[in-house]
Amino acid sequence: TNLESVTVEKAVTMLGDYSFRNCAKLQSFDATELVEVGSYVFENCTGMTNITLTNKLQKMSTGRSLFNKWTSEQTIYLDFEEGQMPSTWNAAWNAGCNAKIVYKKAQATA
């Protein structure tokens, strides 16, 4: 619960359920190679102002309430276009979350 910064090594591709739950002091999280996450991984991580999930995150084996208790003062950046989330994401991934969700903008085609 006293973690302030986390950098996940590239060899780590999965975070299990509740991995950083209640780490309210966590301010920085970097895990660009994540492929899969469990449920409630970032629940109550109220010290973070934002997080970015890359398009490598393709599977949420359980993935429920990943950002439970996040507030409207926090932002989740997603490297996906709105409506183009992977079908393997749990539909309740943002249940209990009040954070602003920012999707990647659609690429214009000429």
N, C-alpha and C. Protein backbone atom coordinates (compact mmCIF):
# COMPACT_ATOMS: atom_id res chain seq x y z
N THR A 1 0.81 -1.21 0.00
CA THR A 1 0.00 0.00 0.00
C THR A 1 0.85 1.27 0.00
N ASN A 2 2.16 1.14 0.20
CA ASN A 2 3.03 2.31 0.23
C ASN A 2 3.77 2.55 -1.08
N LEU A 3 3.48 1.76 -2.10
CA LEU A 3 4.13 1.96 -3.39
C LEU A 3 3.79 3.34 -3.95
N GLU A 4 4.78 3.99 -4.52
CA GLU A 4 4.56 5.30 -5.14
C GLU A 4 4.78 5.26 -6.64
N SER A 5 5.64 4.33 -7.10
CA SER A 5 5.96 4.24 -8.52
C SER A 5 6.20 2.77 -8.88
N VAL A 6 5.67 2.36 -10.03
CA VAL A 6 5.86 0.98 -10.49
C VAL A 6 6.24 1.00 -11.96
N THR A 7 7.32 0.29 -12.27
CA THR A 7 7.69 0.02 -13.66
C THR A 7 7.73 -1.50 -13.79
N VAL A 8 6.86 -2.02 -14.61
CA VAL A 8 6.78 -3.47 -14.80
C VAL A 8 7.72 -3.86 -15.93
N GLU A 9 8.59 -4.81 -15.66
CA GLU A 9 9.54 -5.25 -16.67
C GLU A 9 8.83 -5.83 -17.89
N LYS A 10 9.48 -5.73 -19.04
CA LYS A 10 8.88 -6.19 -20.29
C LYS A 10 8.55 -7.67 -20.28
N ALA A 11 9.25 -8.45 -19.48
CA ALA A 11 8.99 -9.89 -19.41
C ALA A 11 7.64 -10.20 -18.74
N VAL A 12 7.12 -9.25 -17.97
CA VAL A 12 5.84 -9.44 -17.27
C VAL A 12 4.73 -8.99 -18.21
N THR A 13 3.85 -9.91 -18.56
CA THR A 13 2.77 -9.58 -19.49
C THR A 13 1.39 -9.70 -18.86
N MET A 14 1.31 -10.19 -17.62
CA MET A 14 0.02 -10.40 -16.97
C MET A 14 0.06 -9.91 -15.54
N LEU A 15 -1.00 -9.23 -15.12
CA LEU A 15 -1.17 -8.84 -13.72
C LEU A 15 -2.39 -9.58 -13.18
N GLY A 16 -2.23 -10.26 -12.06
CA GLY A 16 -3.34 -11.01 -11.47
C GLY A 16 -4.31 -10.12 -10.73
N ASP A 17 -5.43 -10.70 -10.34
CA ASP A 17 -6.47 -10.00 -9.59
C ASP A 17 -5.87 -9.28 -8.39
N TYR A 18 -6.33 -8.06 -8.14
CA TYR A 18 -5.99 -7.25 -6.96
C TYR A 18 -4.51 -6.86 -6.87
N SER A 19 -3.75 -6.92 -7.95
CA SER A 19 -2.30 -6.68 -7.92
C SER A 19 -1.88 -5.40 -7.19
N PHE A 20 -2.55 -4.27 -7.47
CA PHE A 20 -2.18 -3.00 -6.86
C PHE A 20 -3.36 -2.39 -6.10
N ARG A 21 -4.31 -3.20 -5.73
CA ARG A 21 -5.50 -2.75 -5.01
C ARG A 21 -5.09 -2.00 -3.74
N ASN A 22 -5.74 -0.89 -3.52
CA ASN A 22 -5.56 -0.06 -2.33
C ASN A 22 -4.17 0.57 -2.21
N CYS A 23 -3.46 0.69 -3.33
CA CYS A 23 -2.18 1.41 -3.34
C CYS A 23 -2.48 2.88 -3.57
N ALA A 24 -3.06 3.51 -2.59
CA ALA A 24 -3.52 4.89 -2.72
C ALA A 24 -2.38 5.88 -2.93
N LYS A 25 -1.16 5.51 -2.59
CA LYS A 25 -0.01 6.40 -2.77
C LYS A 25 0.63 6.24 -4.15
N LEU A 26 0.19 5.25 -4.90
CA LEU A 26 0.75 5.00 -6.23
C LEU A 26 0.46 6.19 -7.14
N GLN A 27 1.52 6.77 -7.70
CA GLN A 27 1.37 7.94 -8.57
C GLN A 27 1.79 7.66 -10.00
N SER A 28 2.70 6.70 -10.18
CA SER A 28 3.25 6.42 -11.51
C SER A 28 3.22 4.93 -11.78
N PHE A 29 2.70 4.57 -12.95
CA PHE A 29 2.63 3.17 -13.34
C PHE A 29 3.00 3.04 -14.81
N ASP A 30 4.00 2.22 -15.10
CA ASP A 30 4.46 2.02 -16.47
C ASP A 30 4.55 0.53 -16.76
N ALA A 31 3.74 0.08 -17.68
CA ALA A 31 3.74 -1.33 -18.09
C ALA A 31 3.29 -1.42 -19.53
N THR A 32 4.21 -1.13 -20.43
CA THR A 32 3.85 -1.05 -21.85
C THR A 32 3.66 -2.40 -22.52
N GLU A 33 4.08 -3.47 -21.89
CA GLU A 33 4.00 -4.79 -22.51
C GLU A 33 2.86 -5.65 -21.97
N LEU A 34 2.01 -5.10 -21.13
CA LEU A 34 0.92 -5.90 -20.56
C LEU A 34 0.00 -6.43 -21.65
N VAL A 35 -0.33 -7.70 -21.55
CA VAL A 35 -1.22 -8.35 -22.50
C VAL A 35 -2.54 -8.72 -21.80
N GLU A 36 -2.46 -8.99 -20.49
CA GLU A 36 -3.63 -9.48 -19.77
C GLU A 36 -3.64 -8.94 -18.34
N VAL A 37 -4.82 -8.59 -17.85
CA VAL A 37 -4.98 -8.17 -16.45
C VAL A 37 -6.17 -8.86 -15.83
N GLY A 38 -6.13 -8.96 -14.52
CA GLY A 38 -7.23 -9.53 -13.76
C GLY A 38 -8.17 -8.45 -13.26
N SER A 39 -8.98 -8.80 -12.29
CA SER A 39 -9.98 -7.88 -11.74
C SER A 39 -9.41 -7.01 -10.63
N TYR A 40 -9.96 -5.82 -10.48
CA TYR A 40 -9.67 -4.90 -9.37
C TYR A 40 -8.18 -4.55 -9.25
N VAL A 41 -7.42 -4.65 -10.33
CA VAL A 41 -5.97 -4.43 -10.29
C VAL A 41 -5.62 -3.04 -9.76
N PHE A 42 -6.35 -2.02 -10.17
CA PHE A 42 -6.04 -0.65 -9.75
C PHE A 42 -7.12 -0.06 -8.86
N GLU A 43 -7.89 -0.91 -8.22
CA GLU A 43 -8.96 -0.42 -7.34
C GLU A 43 -8.39 0.47 -6.25
N ASN A 44 -9.00 1.63 -6.09
CA ASN A 44 -8.67 2.58 -5.02
C ASN A 44 -7.25 3.13 -5.12
N CYS A 45 -6.71 3.18 -6.33
CA CYS A 45 -5.39 3.81 -6.55
C CYS A 45 -5.63 5.29 -6.80
N THR A 46 -6.07 5.98 -5.79
CA THR A 46 -6.51 7.36 -5.94
C THR A 46 -5.37 8.36 -6.05
N GLY A 47 -4.13 7.95 -5.85
CA GLY A 47 -3.00 8.84 -5.99
C GLY A 47 -2.58 9.06 -7.43
N MET A 48 -3.06 8.22 -8.32
CA MET A 48 -2.70 8.35 -9.74
C MET A 48 -3.59 9.38 -10.40
N THR A 49 -2.99 10.27 -11.18
CA THR A 49 -3.80 11.24 -11.90
C THR A 49 -4.25 10.67 -13.23
N ASN A 50 -3.43 9.75 -13.80
CA ASN A 50 -3.80 9.14 -15.08
C ASN A 50 -3.03 7.85 -15.28
N ILE A 51 -3.51 7.08 -16.24
CA ILE A 51 -2.85 5.85 -16.66
C ILE A 51 -3.14 5.66 -18.14
N THR A 52 -2.20 5.04 -18.85
CA THR A 52 -2.40 4.74 -20.26
C THR A 52 -2.35 3.23 -20.44
N LEU A 53 -3.36 2.69 -21.10
CA LEU A 53 -3.39 1.27 -21.44
C LEU A 53 -3.15 1.16 -22.94
N THR A 54 -2.10 0.46 -23.31
CA THR A 54 -1.76 0.35 -24.73
C THR A 54 -2.61 -0.72 -25.41
N ASN A 55 -2.54 -0.74 -26.74
CA ASN A 55 -3.32 -1.71 -27.50
C ASN A 55 -2.74 -3.12 -27.40
N LYS A 56 -1.65 -3.28 -26.69
CA LYS A 56 -1.13 -4.64 -26.42
C LYS A 56 -1.99 -5.35 -25.39
N LEU A 57 -2.72 -4.58 -24.58
CA LEU A 57 -3.58 -5.17 -23.57
C LEU A 57 -4.82 -5.72 -24.26
N GLN A 58 -4.75 -6.96 -24.64
CA GLN A 58 -5.79 -7.58 -25.45
C GLN A 58 -6.75 -8.45 -24.66
N LYS A 59 -6.39 -8.86 -23.45
CA LYS A 59 -7.23 -9.81 -22.74
C LYS A 59 -7.41 -9.41 -21.28
N MET A 60 -8.64 -9.49 -20.85
CA MET A 60 -8.96 -9.34 -19.44
C MET A 60 -9.62 -10.63 -19.02
N SER A 61 -8.84 -11.55 -18.50
CA SER A 61 -9.36 -12.87 -18.16
C SER A 61 -10.56 -12.75 -17.24
N THR A 62 -10.45 -11.88 -16.28
CA THR A 62 -11.60 -11.56 -15.44
C THR A 62 -11.88 -10.08 -15.64
N GLY A 63 -10.92 -9.25 -15.33
CA GLY A 63 -10.94 -7.84 -15.69
C GLY A 63 -12.09 -6.99 -15.18
N ARG A 64 -12.86 -7.49 -14.24
CA ARG A 64 -13.98 -6.70 -13.72
C ARG A 64 -13.46 -5.55 -12.84
N SER A 65 -14.12 -4.43 -12.93
CA SER A 65 -13.87 -3.30 -12.03
C SER A 65 -12.39 -2.97 -11.88
N LEU A 66 -11.70 -2.97 -12.99
CA LEU A 66 -10.26 -2.72 -13.01
C LEU A 66 -9.91 -1.42 -12.31
N PHE A 67 -10.76 -0.39 -12.46
CA PHE A 67 -10.50 0.93 -11.89
C PHE A 67 -11.57 1.32 -10.87
N ASN A 68 -12.08 0.35 -10.14
CA ASN A 68 -13.09 0.61 -9.13
C ASN A 68 -12.61 1.70 -8.16
N LYS A 69 -13.48 2.65 -7.87
CA LYS A 69 -13.25 3.76 -6.95
C LYS A 69 -12.36 4.86 -7.51
N TRP A 70 -12.08 4.85 -8.81
CA TRP A 70 -11.36 5.99 -9.41
C TRP A 70 -12.34 7.15 -9.48
N THR A 71 -11.82 8.35 -9.34
CA THR A 71 -12.65 9.54 -9.25
C THR A 71 -12.66 10.33 -10.55
N SER A 72 -13.52 11.32 -10.60
CA SER A 72 -13.64 12.17 -11.80
C SER A 72 -12.40 13.03 -12.01
N GLU A 73 -11.50 13.07 -11.06
CA GLU A 73 -10.26 13.84 -11.20
C GLU A 73 -9.14 13.01 -11.82
N GLN A 74 -9.42 11.76 -12.14
CA GLN A 74 -8.44 10.86 -12.74
C GLN A 74 -8.81 10.59 -14.20
N THR A 75 -7.81 10.22 -15.01
CA THR A 75 -8.03 9.98 -16.44
C THR A 75 -7.42 8.65 -16.85
N ILE A 76 -8.16 7.91 -17.66
CA ILE A 76 -7.69 6.65 -18.24
C ILE A 76 -7.58 6.87 -19.74
N TYR A 77 -6.36 6.75 -20.26
CA TYR A 77 -6.12 6.88 -21.69
C TYR A 77 -6.05 5.48 -22.29
N LEU A 78 -6.84 5.26 -23.33
CA LEU A 78 -6.89 3.95 -23.99
C LEU A 78 -6.40 4.06 -25.42
N ASP A 79 -5.50 3.18 -25.78
CA ASP A 79 -4.95 3.16 -27.14
C ASP A 79 -5.86 2.35 -28.07
N PHE A 80 -7.15 2.59 -27.94
CA PHE A 80 -8.17 1.95 -28.76
C PHE A 80 -9.15 3.03 -29.20
N GLU A 81 -9.72 2.86 -30.35
CA GLU A 81 -10.79 3.77 -30.75
C GLU A 81 -12.05 3.38 -29.97
N GLU A 82 -12.86 4.36 -29.66
CA GLU A 82 -14.09 4.08 -28.93
C GLU A 82 -14.93 3.08 -29.72
N GLY A 83 -15.42 2.08 -29.04
CA GLY A 83 -16.22 1.05 -29.68
C GLY A 83 -15.40 -0.07 -30.31
N GLN A 84 -14.07 0.04 -30.26
CA GLN A 84 -13.20 -0.95 -30.87
C GLN A 84 -12.39 -1.73 -29.83
N MET A 85 -12.91 -1.85 -28.64
CA MET A 85 -12.22 -2.57 -27.59
C MET A 85 -12.16 -4.06 -27.96
N PRO A 86 -11.10 -4.75 -27.56
CA PRO A 86 -11.01 -6.18 -27.84
C PRO A 86 -12.18 -6.94 -27.23
N SER A 87 -12.68 -7.92 -27.94
CA SER A 87 -13.83 -8.70 -27.46
C SER A 87 -13.49 -9.50 -26.21
N THR A 88 -12.22 -9.68 -25.94
CA THR A 88 -11.81 -10.44 -24.76
C THR A 88 -11.76 -9.59 -23.49
N TRP A 89 -12.09 -8.29 -23.59
CA TRP A 89 -12.17 -7.45 -22.40
C TRP A 89 -13.49 -7.72 -21.69
N ASN A 90 -13.46 -7.82 -20.38
CA ASN A 90 -14.67 -7.99 -19.60
C ASN A 90 -15.52 -6.73 -19.76
N ALA A 91 -16.79 -6.90 -20.01
CA ALA A 91 -17.69 -5.77 -20.24
C ALA A 91 -17.76 -4.83 -19.04
N ALA A 92 -17.43 -5.33 -17.85
CA ALA A 92 -17.51 -4.52 -16.63
C ALA A 92 -16.14 -4.00 -16.22
N TRP A 93 -15.24 -3.80 -17.20
CA TRP A 93 -13.88 -3.38 -16.86
C TRP A 93 -13.83 -2.05 -16.13
N ASN A 94 -14.78 -1.15 -16.40
CA ASN A 94 -14.77 0.16 -15.75
C ASN A 94 -15.92 0.34 -14.76
N ALA A 95 -16.49 -0.77 -14.29
CA ALA A 95 -17.57 -0.68 -13.29
C ALA A 95 -17.02 -0.06 -12.01
N GLY A 96 -17.78 0.82 -11.41
CA GLY A 96 -17.37 1.48 -10.17
C GLY A 96 -16.35 2.58 -10.38
N CYS A 97 -16.18 3.01 -11.62
CA CYS A 97 -15.15 3.99 -11.97
C CYS A 97 -15.81 5.28 -12.45
N ASN A 98 -15.36 6.40 -11.91
CA ASN A 98 -15.86 7.70 -12.33
C ASN A 98 -14.82 8.51 -13.09
N ALA A 99 -13.70 7.88 -13.42
CA ALA A 99 -12.62 8.58 -14.11
C ALA A 99 -13.03 8.97 -15.53
N LYS A 100 -12.37 9.98 -16.04
CA LYS A 100 -12.55 10.37 -17.44
C LYS A 100 -11.84 9.33 -18.30
N ILE A 101 -12.51 8.86 -19.34
CA ILE A 101 -11.93 7.86 -20.24
C ILE A 101 -11.69 8.52 -21.59
N VAL A 102 -10.44 8.50 -22.04
CA VAL A 102 -10.07 9.13 -23.31
C VAL A 102 -9.62 8.05 -24.27
N TYR A 103 -10.34 7.91 -25.37
CA TYR A 103 -10.02 6.93 -26.40
C TYR A 103 -9.12 7.54 -27.46
N LYS A 104 -8.36 6.69 -28.13
CA LYS A 104 -7.56 7.13 -29.27
C LYS A 104 -8.50 7.62 -30.35
N LYS A 105 -8.12 8.66 -30.99
CA LYS A 105 -8.95 9.20 -32.07
C LYS A 105 -8.81 8.32 -33.32
N ALA A 106 -9.89 8.21 -34.05
CA ALA A 106 -9.88 7.45 -35.29
C ALA A 106 -8.92 8.09 -36.29
N GLN A 107 -8.21 7.28 -37.02
CA GLN A 107 -7.27 7.78 -38.02
C GLN A 107 -8.04 8.14 -39.29
N ALA A 108 -7.80 9.33 -39.78
CA ALA A 108 -8.45 9.76 -41.02
C ALA A 108 -7.84 9.02 -42.20
N THR A 109 -8.67 8.59 -43.13
CA THR A 109 -8.18 7.92 -44.32
C THR A 109 -8.37 8.83 -45.52
N ALA A 110 -7.38 8.87 -46.38
CA ALA A 110 -7.45 9.77 -47.55
C ALA A 110 -8.07 9.06 -48.73
